[in-house]
Structure formats: structure tokens, C-alpha cells
Amino acid sequence: MLNRFRRRLDAAIALRVDARVDARLSRETAALLEQVDRAHQDFEARLAGTQADFSYIRSEFDRIAPQLAALEQRFEALRLQLDSADMEPDDALDRAQLEHERARMRLELAAHYEERLRRLEGDRA
């Protein structure tokens, strides 16, 4: 009889305590789940922005890389021409200055795009 009474009392207490604890925990759990959802949405938004930035940087690199390769090729061709003995020093100097000016202009263009990219990244941050 005592055991049966103890079991009924334990069941009644457990039912009431569980109901109170569950109500309290469900509110706290709901708040925590909302925080996790907001953090996840913020993460997804930032990830999408970063992926777009990476895509833009990659496209700029892919666009500029061939220009730099062409510059290297032209410098090598110019170096080979300057090494030949049949060119006069004044002609060689003029050609070197002209090629240097072209290279400088292309590098300025690349620097301009890098600065533009930096400003766009700064605006996003």
C-alpha cells in the first residue's frame, strides 16, 4: 500500500514539475532557436556577399592576367631586339622608352581597377 501511494505521489509531482519545467524550457528554447535562425540568416547573407566579391575578384584577375602575360612577352621580345647588334643606341633607347610608357599605362590601368575594387569592398563592409 505504501509503495502504491508513493508511486501515485511521485507520478503527480513528476507531472506537475514536468509541466512547469517544460513550459519554462520551451520559452527559453524558442528564444534560443530564434537567435540561431537569425545568426544563420546573417551568415548566409554574408557568405553570399563574400562569394559575389570573390567572383568579381576572380573575373578581374582573369581579365588582367592575359594583359600582364602579354607585357612579359613584349618585354622579352624587346630585350631580344635590344640585344641584337644592328640597332643604333638612340633607336634602342626610343623603343625602350616607348615600350616602358605602354607598360606603365597598362600597370596604371591595373592599379586603377585594384583601387576600384578596394573601394567597392570598403563600401560593402
Protein backbone atom coordinates (compact mmCIF):
# COMPACT_ATOMS: atom_id res chain seq x y z
CA MET A 1 0.00 0.00 0.00
CA LEU A 2 2.79 2.39 0.86
CA ASN A 3 4.55 1.64 -2.41
CA ARG A 4 1.37 2.30 -4.38
CA PHE A 5 0.86 5.61 -2.57
CA ARG A 6 4.50 6.55 -3.20
CA ARG A 7 4.15 5.78 -6.92
CA ARG A 8 0.97 7.85 -7.25
CA LEU A 9 2.57 10.75 -5.35
CA ASP A 10 5.73 10.55 -7.49
CA ALA A 11 3.63 10.49 -10.65
CA ALA A 12 1.57 13.52 -9.57
CA ILE A 13 4.68 15.50 -8.60
CA ALA A 14 6.50 14.50 -11.76
CA LEU A 15 3.54 15.52 -13.87
CA ARG A 16 3.29 18.96 -12.26
CA VAL A 17 7.04 19.58 -12.16
CA ASP A 18 7.48 18.39 -15.73
CA ALA A 19 4.69 20.68 -16.90
CA ARG A 20 6.28 23.70 -15.21
CA VAL A 21 9.79 22.84 -16.37
CA ASP A 22 8.60 22.11 -19.91
CA ALA A 23 6.77 25.45 -20.11
CA ARG A 24 9.85 27.29 -18.91
CA LEU A 25 12.23 25.40 -21.14
CA SER A 26 10.03 25.74 -24.21
CA ARG A 27 10.11 29.56 -23.92
CA GLU A 28 13.90 29.57 -23.48
CA THR A 29 14.34 27.04 -26.26
CA ALA A 30 12.17 29.07 -28.62
CA ALA A 31 14.24 32.21 -27.89
CA LEU A 32 17.46 30.32 -28.49
CA LEU A 33 16.15 28.85 -31.74
CA GLU A 34 15.20 32.33 -32.94
CA GLN A 35 18.73 33.54 -32.18
CA VAL A 36 20.21 30.61 -34.06
CA ASP A 37 17.92 31.28 -37.04
CA ARG A 38 18.90 34.96 -37.13
CA ALA A 39 22.59 34.06 -36.88
CA HIS A 40 22.17 31.53 -39.69
CA GLN A 41 20.42 34.08 -41.92
CA ASP A 42 23.15 36.63 -41.21
CA PHE A 43 25.79 34.04 -42.04
CA GLU A 44 24.07 33.13 -45.30
CA ALA A 45 23.81 36.80 -46.30
CA ARG A 46 27.47 37.43 -45.54
CA LEU A 47 28.51 34.26 -47.34
CA ALA A 48 26.56 35.31 -50.43
CA GLY A 49 28.26 38.72 -50.36
CA THR A 50 31.67 37.14 -49.97
CA GLN A 51 31.01 34.75 -52.83
CA ALA A 52 29.96 37.66 -55.04
CA ASP A 53 33.12 39.57 -54.08
CA PHE A 54 35.26 36.53 -54.83
CA SER A 55 33.54 36.08 -58.18
CA TYR A 56 34.22 39.73 -59.06
CA ILE A 57 37.87 39.50 -57.97
CA ARG A 58 38.32 36.28 -59.93
CA SER A 59 36.83 37.83 -63.07
CA GLU A 60 39.09 40.88 -62.71
CA PHE A 61 42.12 38.62 -62.26
CA ASP A 62 41.14 36.55 -65.28
CA ARG A 63 40.80 39.74 -67.29
CA ILE A 64 44.10 41.31 -66.18
CA ALA A 65 46.28 38.17 -66.22
CA PRO A 66 46.47 37.91 -70.04
CA GLN A 67 47.45 41.58 -70.25
CA LEU A 68 50.32 41.01 -67.84
CA ALA A 69 51.38 37.91 -69.76
CA ALA A 70 51.35 39.93 -72.97
CA LEU A 71 53.51 42.59 -71.29
CA GLU A 72 56.02 39.98 -70.22
CA GLN A 73 56.13 38.62 -73.75
CA ARG A 74 56.63 42.09 -75.22
CA PHE A 75 59.40 42.86 -72.74
CA GLU A 76 61.16 39.65 -73.67
CA ALA A 77 60.83 40.43 -77.39
CA LEU A 78 62.14 43.94 -76.76
CA ARG A 79 65.04 42.57 -74.75
CA LEU A 80 65.95 40.25 -77.61
CA GLN A 81 65.74 43.14 -80.07
CA LEU A 82 67.94 45.31 -77.87
CA ASP A 83 70.48 42.54 -77.60
CA SER A 84 70.92 42.47 -81.34
CA ALA A 85 73.94 44.47 -82.52
CA ASP A 86 72.37 46.04 -85.62
CA MET A 87 70.27 48.59 -83.70
CA GLU A 88 71.58 52.07 -83.03
CA PRO A 89 71.66 53.19 -79.39
CA ASP A 90 69.24 56.09 -79.97
CA ASP A 91 66.70 53.84 -81.67
CA ALA A 92 67.03 51.29 -78.89
CA LEU A 93 66.52 53.98 -76.26
CA ASP A 94 63.46 55.38 -78.04
CA ARG A 95 61.94 51.94 -78.40
CA ALA A 96 62.66 51.10 -74.78
CA GLN A 97 61.07 54.35 -73.61
CA LEU A 98 58.02 53.77 -75.79
CA GLU A 99 57.61 50.23 -74.50
CA HIS A 100 58.14 51.43 -70.95
CA GLU A 101 55.40 54.03 -71.41
CA ARG A 102 52.98 51.40 -72.74
CA ALA A 103 53.75 49.09 -69.85
CA ARG A 104 53.35 51.92 -67.35
CA MET A 105 49.95 52.79 -68.78
CA ARG A 106 48.78 49.18 -68.55
CA LEU A 107 50.02 48.87 -64.98
CA GLU A 108 48.26 52.13 -64.10
CA LEU A 109 45.09 50.65 -65.54
CA ALA A 110 45.52 47.55 -63.39
CA ALA A 111 46.18 49.75 -60.33
CA HIS A 112 43.03 51.74 -61.14
CA TYR A 113 40.95 48.56 -61.15
CA GLU A 114 42.55 47.40 -57.89
CA GLU A 115 41.70 50.74 -56.28
CA ARG A 116 38.15 50.49 -57.60
CA LEU A 117 37.90 47.01 -56.15
CA ARG A 118 39.20 48.23 -52.78
CA ARG A 119 36.58 51.00 -52.73
CA LEU A 120 33.81 48.56 -53.58
CA GLU A 121 34.97 46.22 -50.82
CA GLY A 122 35.12 49.15 -48.42
CA ASP A 123 31.57 50.14 -49.32
CA ARG A 124 30.34 46.59 -48.70
CA ALA A 125 31.95 46.38 -45.26
